[in-house]
N, C-alpha and C. Protein backbone atom coordinates (compact mmCIF):
# COMPACT_ATOMS: atom_id res chain seq x y z
N MET A 1 0.84 -1.19 0.00
CA MET A 1 0.00 0.00 0.00
C MET A 1 0.88 1.25 0.00
N THR A 2 0.56 2.20 -0.85
CA THR A 2 1.36 3.42 -0.94
C THR A 2 0.67 4.55 -0.21
N THR A 3 1.49 5.43 0.32
CA THR A 3 0.96 6.59 1.01
C THR A 3 0.68 7.71 0.02
N THR A 4 -0.06 8.71 0.47
CA THR A 4 -0.34 9.86 -0.39
C THR A 4 0.96 10.54 -0.80
N GLN A 5 1.92 10.64 0.13
CA GLN A 5 3.20 11.27 -0.21
C GLN A 5 3.91 10.51 -1.32
N GLU A 6 3.87 9.16 -1.25
CA GLU A 6 4.53 8.37 -2.29
C GLU A 6 3.84 8.55 -3.63
N GLN A 7 2.52 8.69 -3.63
CA GLN A 7 1.78 8.87 -4.87
C GLN A 7 2.05 10.23 -5.50
N THR A 8 2.19 11.26 -4.69
CA THR A 8 2.39 12.61 -5.22
C THR A 8 3.87 12.96 -5.38
N HIS A 9 4.76 12.09 -4.92
CA HIS A 9 6.19 12.38 -4.99
C HIS A 9 6.66 12.73 -6.41
N PRO A 10 6.33 11.92 -7.44
CA PRO A 10 6.77 12.29 -8.80
C PRO A 10 6.22 13.65 -9.25
N MET A 11 5.00 13.97 -8.84
CA MET A 11 4.42 15.27 -9.20
C MET A 11 5.19 16.41 -8.52
N ARG A 12 5.59 16.22 -7.29
CA ARG A 12 6.36 17.24 -6.58
C ARG A 12 7.74 17.42 -7.21
N VAL A 13 8.37 16.31 -7.56
CA VAL A 13 9.67 16.39 -8.23
C VAL A 13 9.51 17.11 -9.57
N GLY A 14 8.46 16.79 -10.31
CA GLY A 14 8.20 17.47 -11.58
C GLY A 14 8.00 18.96 -11.39
N ASP A 15 7.26 19.33 -10.35
CA ASP A 15 7.04 20.75 -10.06
C ASP A 15 8.36 21.45 -9.78
N ARG A 16 9.22 20.85 -8.96
CA ARG A 16 10.50 21.47 -8.64
C ARG A 16 11.39 21.54 -9.88
N THR A 17 11.30 20.52 -10.73
CA THR A 17 12.06 20.54 -11.98
C THR A 17 11.62 21.72 -12.85
N HIS A 18 10.31 21.92 -12.98
CA HIS A 18 9.80 23.06 -13.75
C HIS A 18 10.29 24.38 -13.16
N ARG A 19 10.28 24.48 -11.84
CA ARG A 19 10.72 25.72 -11.18
C ARG A 19 12.21 26.00 -11.46
N ILE A 20 13.02 24.96 -11.41
CA ILE A 20 14.46 25.12 -11.69
C ILE A 20 14.65 25.56 -13.14
N ILE A 21 14.02 24.86 -14.05
CA ILE A 21 14.13 25.20 -15.47
C ILE A 21 13.65 26.63 -15.71
N GLY A 22 12.50 26.98 -15.15
CA GLY A 22 11.94 28.32 -15.34
C GLY A 22 12.87 29.41 -14.87
N ALA A 23 13.44 29.21 -13.68
CA ALA A 23 14.35 30.22 -13.14
C ALA A 23 15.57 30.39 -14.04
N LEU A 24 16.07 29.30 -14.57
CA LEU A 24 17.30 29.38 -15.37
C LEU A 24 17.07 29.79 -16.82
N LEU A 25 15.88 29.54 -17.36
CA LEU A 25 15.61 30.01 -18.72
C LEU A 25 15.43 31.53 -18.77
N ARG A 26 15.15 32.12 -17.63
CA ARG A 26 14.95 33.57 -17.57
C ARG A 26 16.26 34.35 -17.48
N VAL A 27 17.37 33.64 -17.30
CA VAL A 27 18.68 34.29 -17.21
C VAL A 27 19.59 33.74 -18.29
N GLN A 28 20.68 34.39 -18.51
CA GLN A 28 21.66 33.92 -19.49
C GLN A 28 22.55 32.88 -18.82
N LEU A 29 22.37 31.62 -19.20
CA LEU A 29 23.20 30.55 -18.65
C LEU A 29 24.58 30.57 -19.29
N SER A 30 25.54 30.14 -18.53
CA SER A 30 26.90 30.04 -19.04
C SER A 30 26.96 29.01 -20.17
N ASN A 31 27.81 29.26 -21.14
CA ASN A 31 28.03 28.28 -22.21
C ASN A 31 28.99 27.19 -21.78
N GLU A 32 29.74 27.46 -20.71
CA GLU A 32 30.68 26.48 -20.20
C GLU A 32 29.95 25.47 -19.32
N ARG A 33 30.06 24.20 -19.65
CA ARG A 33 29.30 23.13 -18.99
C ARG A 33 29.51 23.11 -17.47
N ALA A 34 30.74 23.27 -17.01
CA ALA A 34 31.02 23.22 -15.57
C ALA A 34 30.33 24.36 -14.83
N LEU A 35 30.37 25.55 -15.39
CA LEU A 35 29.69 26.69 -14.76
C LEU A 35 28.18 26.52 -14.80
N ARG A 36 27.67 25.97 -15.90
CA ARG A 36 26.24 25.72 -16.03
C ARG A 36 25.78 24.74 -14.95
N THR A 37 26.59 23.73 -14.67
CA THR A 37 26.26 22.76 -13.63
C THR A 37 26.16 23.44 -12.27
N VAL A 38 27.08 24.33 -11.99
CA VAL A 38 27.04 25.09 -10.73
C VAL A 38 25.76 25.94 -10.67
N GLU A 39 25.42 26.61 -11.77
CA GLU A 39 24.20 27.42 -11.81
C GLU A 39 22.95 26.57 -11.57
N ILE A 40 22.91 25.39 -12.15
CA ILE A 40 21.76 24.51 -11.97
C ILE A 40 21.65 24.05 -10.53
N THR A 41 22.75 23.62 -9.93
CA THR A 41 22.68 23.14 -8.55
C THR A 41 22.39 24.26 -7.56
N ARG A 42 22.92 25.44 -7.78
CA ARG A 42 22.60 26.58 -6.90
C ARG A 42 21.12 26.93 -6.99
N THR A 43 20.61 26.97 -8.19
CA THR A 43 19.19 27.29 -8.38
C THR A 43 18.32 26.21 -7.75
N ALA A 44 18.70 24.96 -7.92
CA ALA A 44 17.95 23.85 -7.32
C ALA A 44 17.94 23.95 -5.80
N SER A 45 19.07 24.29 -5.22
CA SER A 45 19.13 24.45 -3.76
C SER A 45 18.17 25.54 -3.30
N GLN A 46 18.10 26.64 -4.04
CA GLN A 46 17.18 27.71 -3.69
C GLN A 46 15.73 27.27 -3.84
N VAL A 47 15.42 26.58 -4.93
CA VAL A 47 14.05 26.09 -5.16
C VAL A 47 13.65 25.15 -4.04
N PHE A 48 14.52 24.22 -3.67
CA PHE A 48 14.18 23.26 -2.60
C PHE A 48 14.13 23.93 -1.24
N SER A 49 14.84 25.03 -1.06
CA SER A 49 14.73 25.80 0.18
C SER A 49 13.38 26.50 0.24
N ASP A 50 12.96 27.07 -0.88
CA ASP A 50 11.68 27.78 -0.94
C ASP A 50 10.48 26.83 -0.95
N TYR A 51 10.65 25.66 -1.57
CA TYR A 51 9.56 24.68 -1.74
C TYR A 51 10.08 23.29 -1.33
N PRO A 52 10.24 23.07 -0.03
CA PRO A 52 10.84 21.81 0.42
C PRO A 52 9.96 20.59 0.13
N ILE A 53 10.62 19.48 -0.05
CA ILE A 53 9.98 18.18 -0.14
C ILE A 53 10.49 17.37 1.05
N THR A 54 9.58 16.87 1.87
CA THR A 54 9.99 16.17 3.08
C THR A 54 10.07 14.66 2.91
N HIS A 55 9.46 14.13 1.88
CA HIS A 55 9.50 12.69 1.63
C HIS A 55 10.62 12.38 0.65
N ARG A 56 11.57 11.55 1.05
CA ARG A 56 12.72 11.19 0.21
C ARG A 56 13.39 12.45 -0.36
N THR A 57 13.74 13.35 0.54
CA THR A 57 14.27 14.67 0.18
C THR A 57 15.48 14.61 -0.73
N ARG A 58 16.46 13.82 -0.35
CA ARG A 58 17.71 13.76 -1.13
C ARG A 58 17.46 13.19 -2.53
N GLU A 59 16.67 12.14 -2.60
CA GLU A 59 16.33 11.53 -3.90
C GLU A 59 15.58 12.53 -4.77
N ALA A 60 14.64 13.26 -4.18
CA ALA A 60 13.86 14.26 -4.93
C ALA A 60 14.77 15.34 -5.49
N TYR A 61 15.70 15.80 -4.66
CA TYR A 61 16.64 16.85 -5.08
C TYR A 61 17.46 16.37 -6.28
N PHE A 62 18.05 15.18 -6.16
CA PHE A 62 18.89 14.67 -7.25
C PHE A 62 18.08 14.41 -8.51
N ASP A 63 16.86 13.89 -8.36
CA ASP A 63 16.01 13.67 -9.54
C ASP A 63 15.69 14.99 -10.25
N ALA A 64 15.35 16.01 -9.48
CA ALA A 64 15.00 17.31 -10.06
C ALA A 64 16.22 17.98 -10.71
N VAL A 65 17.36 17.93 -10.04
CA VAL A 65 18.58 18.53 -10.61
C VAL A 65 18.96 17.83 -11.91
N THR A 66 18.91 16.50 -11.90
CA THR A 66 19.26 15.75 -13.10
C THR A 66 18.30 16.06 -14.25
N ALA A 67 17.00 16.05 -13.96
CA ALA A 67 16.01 16.34 -15.00
C ALA A 67 16.17 17.75 -15.55
N ALA A 68 16.35 18.72 -14.67
CA ALA A 68 16.54 20.11 -15.12
C ALA A 68 17.81 20.23 -15.96
N GLY A 69 18.87 19.55 -15.52
CA GLY A 69 20.12 19.57 -16.28
C GLY A 69 19.96 18.99 -17.67
N VAL A 70 19.23 17.90 -17.78
CA VAL A 70 18.99 17.30 -19.10
C VAL A 70 18.24 18.29 -19.98
N TYR A 71 17.18 18.90 -19.45
CA TYR A 71 16.42 19.85 -20.26
C TYR A 71 17.31 21.01 -20.69
N LEU A 72 18.00 21.62 -19.74
CA LEU A 72 18.78 22.83 -20.03
C LEU A 72 19.98 22.54 -20.94
N ASN A 73 20.55 21.36 -20.83
CA ASN A 73 21.72 21.03 -21.65
C ASN A 73 21.37 20.40 -22.99
N ARG A 74 20.18 19.80 -23.11
CA ARG A 74 19.85 19.10 -24.35
C ARG A 74 18.67 19.68 -25.10
N PHE A 75 17.71 20.28 -24.40
CA PHE A 75 16.46 20.69 -25.03
C PHE A 75 16.26 22.21 -25.13
N ALA A 76 16.83 22.97 -24.24
CA ALA A 76 16.56 24.42 -24.21
C ALA A 76 16.97 25.06 -25.53
N PRO A 77 16.02 25.71 -26.19
CA PRO A 77 16.34 26.36 -27.46
C PRO A 77 17.36 27.49 -27.27
N GLN A 78 18.19 27.65 -28.27
CA GLN A 78 19.20 28.70 -28.25
C GLN A 78 18.71 29.88 -29.09
N TYR A 79 19.38 31.00 -28.96
CA TYR A 79 19.09 32.18 -29.77
C TYR A 79 19.08 31.76 -31.23
N PRO A 80 18.14 32.20 -32.02
CA PRO A 80 17.19 33.30 -31.85
C PRO A 80 15.85 32.92 -31.20
N TRP A 81 15.69 31.68 -30.75
CA TRP A 81 14.48 31.32 -30.01
C TRP A 81 14.42 32.14 -28.74
N THR A 82 13.22 32.47 -28.29
CA THR A 82 13.04 33.19 -27.02
C THR A 82 12.00 32.47 -26.18
N LEU A 83 12.14 32.64 -24.89
CA LEU A 83 11.18 32.08 -23.94
C LEU A 83 9.95 32.98 -23.92
N GLU A 84 8.80 32.38 -24.15
CA GLU A 84 7.54 33.12 -24.09
C GLU A 84 6.92 33.02 -22.70
N ALA A 85 6.89 31.80 -22.13
CA ALA A 85 6.26 31.61 -20.82
C ALA A 85 6.67 30.29 -20.19
N ILE A 86 6.62 30.27 -18.88
CA ILE A 86 6.78 29.06 -18.08
C ILE A 86 5.47 28.85 -17.34
N GLU A 87 4.97 27.62 -17.33
CA GLU A 87 3.72 27.30 -16.63
C GLU A 87 2.60 28.26 -17.04
N MET A 88 2.44 28.42 -18.33
CA MET A 88 1.45 29.35 -18.88
C MET A 88 0.03 28.80 -18.65
N ALA A 89 -0.76 29.54 -17.87
CA ALA A 89 -2.13 29.12 -17.58
C ALA A 89 -3.04 29.50 -18.74
N VAL A 90 -3.73 28.49 -19.27
CA VAL A 90 -4.72 28.70 -20.33
C VAL A 90 -5.93 27.86 -19.93
N GLY A 91 -6.99 28.54 -19.51
CA GLY A 91 -8.15 27.81 -19.00
C GLY A 91 -7.74 27.00 -17.79
N ASP A 92 -8.07 25.72 -17.79
CA ASP A 92 -7.69 24.87 -16.66
C ASP A 92 -6.41 24.07 -16.95
N SER A 93 -5.67 24.47 -17.96
CA SER A 93 -4.42 23.80 -18.32
C SER A 93 -3.23 24.71 -18.01
N ARG A 94 -2.09 24.07 -17.80
CA ARG A 94 -0.82 24.78 -17.62
C ARG A 94 0.18 24.23 -18.61
N LEU A 95 0.60 25.08 -19.53
CA LEU A 95 1.60 24.69 -20.53
C LEU A 95 2.97 24.82 -19.87
N ASP A 96 3.74 23.74 -19.83
CA ASP A 96 5.01 23.76 -19.11
C ASP A 96 5.90 24.91 -19.57
N ILE A 97 6.25 24.90 -20.86
CA ILE A 97 7.17 25.91 -21.39
C ILE A 97 6.71 26.27 -22.80
N VAL A 98 6.68 27.56 -23.10
CA VAL A 98 6.33 28.02 -24.44
C VAL A 98 7.50 28.84 -24.97
N HIS A 99 7.97 28.45 -26.15
CA HIS A 99 9.06 29.15 -26.84
C HIS A 99 8.51 29.80 -28.09
N GLN A 100 9.24 30.82 -28.55
CA GLN A 100 8.79 31.56 -29.73
C GLN A 100 9.99 31.82 -30.64
N LEU A 101 9.74 31.71 -31.93
CA LEU A 101 10.74 32.04 -32.94
C LEU A 101 10.03 32.76 -34.07
N GLU A 102 10.36 34.04 -34.25
CA GLU A 102 9.81 34.84 -35.34
C GLU A 102 8.29 34.74 -35.43
N GLY A 103 7.62 34.83 -34.28
CA GLY A 103 6.16 34.80 -34.24
C GLY A 103 5.54 33.42 -34.32
N ASN A 104 6.35 32.38 -34.30
CA ASN A 104 5.86 31.01 -34.29
C ASN A 104 6.09 30.42 -32.90
N TYR A 105 5.13 29.60 -32.45
CA TYR A 105 5.14 29.13 -31.06
C TYR A 105 5.25 27.61 -30.97
N LEU A 106 6.02 27.17 -29.98
CA LEU A 106 6.22 25.76 -29.70
C LEU A 106 5.99 25.55 -28.20
N ILE A 107 5.19 24.54 -27.88
CA ILE A 107 4.96 24.16 -26.49
C ILE A 107 5.87 22.99 -26.16
N ASP A 108 6.61 23.09 -25.07
CA ASP A 108 7.38 21.97 -24.55
C ASP A 108 6.64 21.38 -23.36
N GLU A 109 6.29 20.12 -23.45
CA GLU A 109 5.72 19.38 -22.31
C GLU A 109 6.87 18.54 -21.76
N VAL A 110 7.27 18.85 -20.54
CA VAL A 110 8.43 18.22 -19.92
C VAL A 110 7.97 17.04 -19.07
N LYS A 111 8.49 15.87 -19.36
CA LYS A 111 8.16 14.66 -18.60
C LYS A 111 9.45 13.99 -18.14
N LEU A 112 9.48 13.62 -16.87
CA LEU A 112 10.62 12.86 -16.36
C LEU A 112 10.64 11.49 -17.02
N GLY A 113 9.47 10.92 -17.20
CA GLY A 113 9.32 9.63 -17.85
C GLY A 113 7.84 9.35 -17.99
N VAL A 114 7.50 8.48 -18.90
CA VAL A 114 6.10 8.13 -19.12
C VAL A 114 5.98 6.62 -18.97
N THR A 115 5.22 6.22 -17.98
CA THR A 115 5.00 4.79 -17.79
C THR A 115 3.91 4.32 -18.74
N ARG A 116 3.80 3.03 -18.90
CA ARG A 116 2.75 2.49 -19.77
C ARG A 116 1.37 2.91 -19.29
N THR A 117 1.19 2.95 -17.97
CA THR A 117 -0.13 3.34 -17.46
C THR A 117 -0.37 4.83 -17.62
N GLY A 118 0.68 5.61 -17.74
CA GLY A 118 0.53 7.05 -17.89
C GLY A 118 0.43 7.52 -19.32
N GLU A 119 0.65 6.60 -20.26
CA GLU A 119 0.67 6.97 -21.68
C GLU A 119 -0.66 7.56 -22.15
N GLN A 120 -1.76 6.98 -21.72
CA GLN A 120 -3.07 7.48 -22.15
C GLN A 120 -3.33 8.89 -21.62
N SER A 121 -2.97 9.14 -20.36
CA SER A 121 -3.20 10.48 -19.82
C SER A 121 -2.30 11.51 -20.52
N VAL A 122 -1.09 11.10 -20.89
CA VAL A 122 -0.20 12.01 -21.62
C VAL A 122 -0.78 12.30 -23.00
N GLN A 123 -1.32 11.30 -23.67
CA GLN A 123 -1.93 11.52 -24.98
C GLN A 123 -3.10 12.49 -24.89
N GLN A 124 -3.91 12.35 -23.84
CA GLN A 124 -5.03 13.28 -23.65
C GLN A 124 -4.53 14.69 -23.38
N GLN A 125 -3.47 14.79 -22.59
CA GLN A 125 -2.88 16.10 -22.29
C GLN A 125 -2.34 16.74 -23.57
N ILE A 126 -1.61 15.99 -24.38
CA ILE A 126 -1.07 16.50 -25.63
C ILE A 126 -2.20 16.96 -26.55
N ALA A 127 -3.27 16.18 -26.64
CA ALA A 127 -4.42 16.56 -27.48
C ALA A 127 -5.01 17.88 -27.01
N ARG A 128 -5.13 18.06 -25.70
CA ARG A 128 -5.64 19.33 -25.14
C ARG A 128 -4.72 20.48 -25.53
N TYR A 129 -3.40 20.26 -25.39
CA TYR A 129 -2.44 21.32 -25.69
C TYR A 129 -2.41 21.66 -27.17
N LEU A 130 -2.59 20.66 -28.02
CA LEU A 130 -2.66 20.93 -29.46
C LEU A 130 -3.88 21.80 -29.77
N ALA A 131 -5.01 21.49 -29.17
CA ALA A 131 -6.22 22.30 -29.38
C ALA A 131 -6.00 23.72 -28.87
N LEU A 132 -5.40 23.86 -27.70
CA LEU A 132 -5.13 25.20 -27.14
C LEU A 132 -4.17 25.98 -28.03
N GLY A 133 -3.10 25.33 -28.48
CA GLY A 133 -2.12 25.99 -29.34
C GLY A 133 -2.74 26.45 -30.64
N ASN A 134 -3.56 25.60 -31.23
CA ASN A 134 -4.24 25.98 -32.47
C ASN A 134 -5.19 27.15 -32.25
N ASP A 135 -5.90 27.16 -31.12
CA ASP A 135 -6.81 28.28 -30.81
C ASP A 135 -6.04 29.57 -30.57
N LEU A 136 -4.94 29.49 -29.84
CA LEU A 136 -4.17 30.68 -29.48
C LEU A 136 -3.38 31.27 -30.66
N TRP A 137 -2.70 30.40 -31.40
CA TRP A 137 -1.73 30.89 -32.37
C TRP A 137 -2.03 30.52 -33.82
N ARG A 138 -3.08 29.78 -34.06
CA ARG A 138 -3.52 29.39 -35.40
C ARG A 138 -2.37 28.88 -36.27
N SER A 139 -2.11 29.50 -37.38
CA SER A 139 -1.08 29.01 -38.31
C SER A 139 0.34 29.27 -37.80
N SER A 140 0.47 30.02 -36.71
CA SER A 140 1.79 30.29 -36.12
C SER A 140 2.18 29.25 -35.07
N PHE A 141 1.36 28.23 -34.92
CA PHE A 141 1.61 27.19 -33.93
C PHE A 141 2.39 26.05 -34.58
N LEU A 142 3.53 25.70 -33.98
CA LEU A 142 4.40 24.66 -34.53
C LEU A 142 4.12 23.27 -33.96
N GLY A 143 3.48 23.21 -32.80
CA GLY A 143 3.15 21.91 -32.21
C GLY A 143 3.61 21.80 -30.77
N VAL A 144 3.55 20.57 -30.27
CA VAL A 144 3.94 20.25 -28.89
C VAL A 144 5.10 19.26 -28.94
N ARG A 145 6.18 19.64 -28.28
CA ARG A 145 7.33 18.74 -28.18
C ARG A 145 7.26 18.07 -26.82
N LEU A 146 7.10 16.75 -26.82
CA LEU A 146 7.09 15.98 -25.58
C LEU A 146 8.53 15.64 -25.26
N CYS A 147 9.10 16.38 -24.30
CA CYS A 147 10.51 16.22 -23.93
C CYS A 147 10.63 15.11 -22.90
N ALA A 148 11.12 13.98 -23.33
CA ALA A 148 11.30 12.82 -22.46
C ALA A 148 12.68 12.91 -21.82
N LEU A 149 12.74 13.45 -20.61
CA LEU A 149 14.03 13.76 -20.00
C LEU A 149 14.85 12.51 -19.68
N HIS A 150 14.21 11.41 -19.33
CA HIS A 150 14.97 10.19 -19.05
C HIS A 150 15.36 9.43 -20.31
N GLU A 151 14.73 9.76 -21.43
CA GLU A 151 15.04 9.12 -22.71
C GLU A 151 14.98 10.17 -23.82
N PRO A 152 15.96 11.09 -23.86
CA PRO A 152 15.90 12.23 -24.79
C PRO A 152 15.63 11.88 -26.25
N PHE A 153 16.16 10.77 -26.72
CA PHE A 153 15.97 10.45 -28.14
C PHE A 153 14.61 9.81 -28.41
N GLN A 154 13.78 9.67 -27.36
CA GLN A 154 12.39 9.22 -27.52
C GLN A 154 11.44 10.43 -27.62
N THR A 155 12.00 11.62 -27.57
CA THR A 155 11.22 12.84 -27.65
C THR A 155 10.47 12.89 -28.98
N ARG A 156 9.21 13.34 -28.91
CA ARG A 156 8.37 13.40 -30.11
C ARG A 156 7.84 14.81 -30.30
N LEU A 157 7.60 15.15 -31.55
CA LEU A 157 6.95 16.41 -31.90
C LEU A 157 5.55 16.06 -32.39
N TYR A 158 4.56 16.58 -31.69
CA TYR A 158 3.16 16.40 -32.07
C TYR A 158 2.77 17.61 -32.91
N LEU A 159 2.37 17.34 -34.12
CA LEU A 159 2.10 18.39 -35.09
C LEU A 159 0.74 19.03 -34.86
N PRO A 160 0.60 20.28 -35.27
CA PRO A 160 -0.64 21.02 -35.02
C PRO A 160 -1.89 20.37 -35.60
N ASP A 161 -1.74 19.51 -36.61
CA ASP A 161 -2.93 18.88 -37.20
C ASP A 161 -3.63 17.94 -36.21
N GLY A 162 -2.95 17.59 -35.11
CA GLY A 162 -3.55 16.77 -34.08
C GLY A 162 -3.66 15.30 -34.43
N HIS A 163 -3.22 14.93 -35.62
CA HIS A 163 -3.36 13.55 -36.06
C HIS A 163 -2.02 12.84 -36.23
N SER A 164 -0.94 13.58 -36.12
CA SER A 164 0.34 12.93 -36.38
C SER A 164 1.43 13.46 -35.45
N SER A 165 2.40 12.60 -35.27
CA SER A 165 3.59 12.98 -34.52
C SER A 165 4.78 12.32 -35.19
N VAL A 166 5.94 12.88 -34.94
CA VAL A 166 7.17 12.33 -35.49
C VAL A 166 8.23 12.31 -34.40
N PRO A 167 9.15 11.35 -34.49
CA PRO A 167 10.28 11.44 -33.56
C PRO A 167 10.94 12.81 -33.78
N PHE A 168 11.26 13.48 -32.72
CA PHE A 168 11.78 14.84 -32.85
C PHE A 168 13.00 14.91 -33.76
N VAL A 169 13.86 13.91 -33.68
CA VAL A 169 15.08 13.92 -34.49
C VAL A 169 14.78 13.85 -35.98
N GLU A 170 13.54 13.49 -36.36
CA GLU A 170 13.15 13.44 -37.78
C GLU A 170 12.31 14.65 -38.20
N SER A 171 12.09 15.59 -37.29
CA SER A 171 11.23 16.74 -37.59
C SER A 171 12.02 17.86 -38.26
N ALA A 172 11.28 18.74 -38.93
CA ALA A 172 11.90 19.90 -39.58
C ALA A 172 12.51 20.85 -38.55
N LEU A 173 11.98 20.84 -37.31
CA LEU A 173 12.50 21.72 -36.27
C LEU A 173 13.81 21.22 -35.67
N HIS A 174 14.16 19.99 -35.96
CA HIS A 174 15.32 19.40 -35.32
C HIS A 174 16.59 20.20 -35.54
N GLU A 175 16.77 20.74 -36.73
CA GLU A 175 18.00 21.48 -37.00
C GLU A 175 18.12 22.73 -36.15
N SER A 176 17.02 23.47 -35.97
CA SER A 176 17.13 24.69 -35.17
C SER A 176 17.01 24.42 -33.68
N LEU A 177 16.54 23.24 -33.31
CA LEU A 177 16.42 22.86 -31.90
C LEU A 177 17.12 21.53 -31.63
N ALA A 178 18.23 21.32 -32.27
CA ALA A 178 18.90 20.02 -32.20
C ALA A 178 19.21 19.62 -30.77
N LEU A 179 19.00 18.34 -30.47
CA LEU A 179 19.43 17.81 -29.18
C LEU A 179 20.94 17.92 -29.10
N ARG A 180 21.41 18.35 -27.96
CA ARG A 180 22.85 18.46 -27.77
C ARG A 180 23.36 17.31 -26.95
């Protein structure tokens, strides 16, 4: 039998990961990997100080730091892309990260991992986000990138048509947002 804390633990880690990523996307990160690592861990320490997790604290911290590091080192778009929003509230949904390039918008849905039982809920979430993106940005909407932080090369781009997706590495956006 699992406790409520055990059930919500991945959600709390995900929330802290989003907070770390959000704080660091708003500033100019160092291009030097070692300095970037220091920036990520300092920011994570501050986030966990402001929003502590009491259940499996050390594990939660390391999971969030690792996930944020993967996003920031492999997925974060570089100039000329710009950050539009973090945790953008639209109706009863929250878009994890929204990026913009020359008036075109991309939603990043950040997932630590997707279990087989969670796949259906993720698909429903992506469908909601595609509908929201199409309503908000119409022809300027590029789609939803499902960033699989534990398996970066499993990342998919869900196209605005709502009927198709492609492995991100095979998408037209891959060159300007190449995994590093």
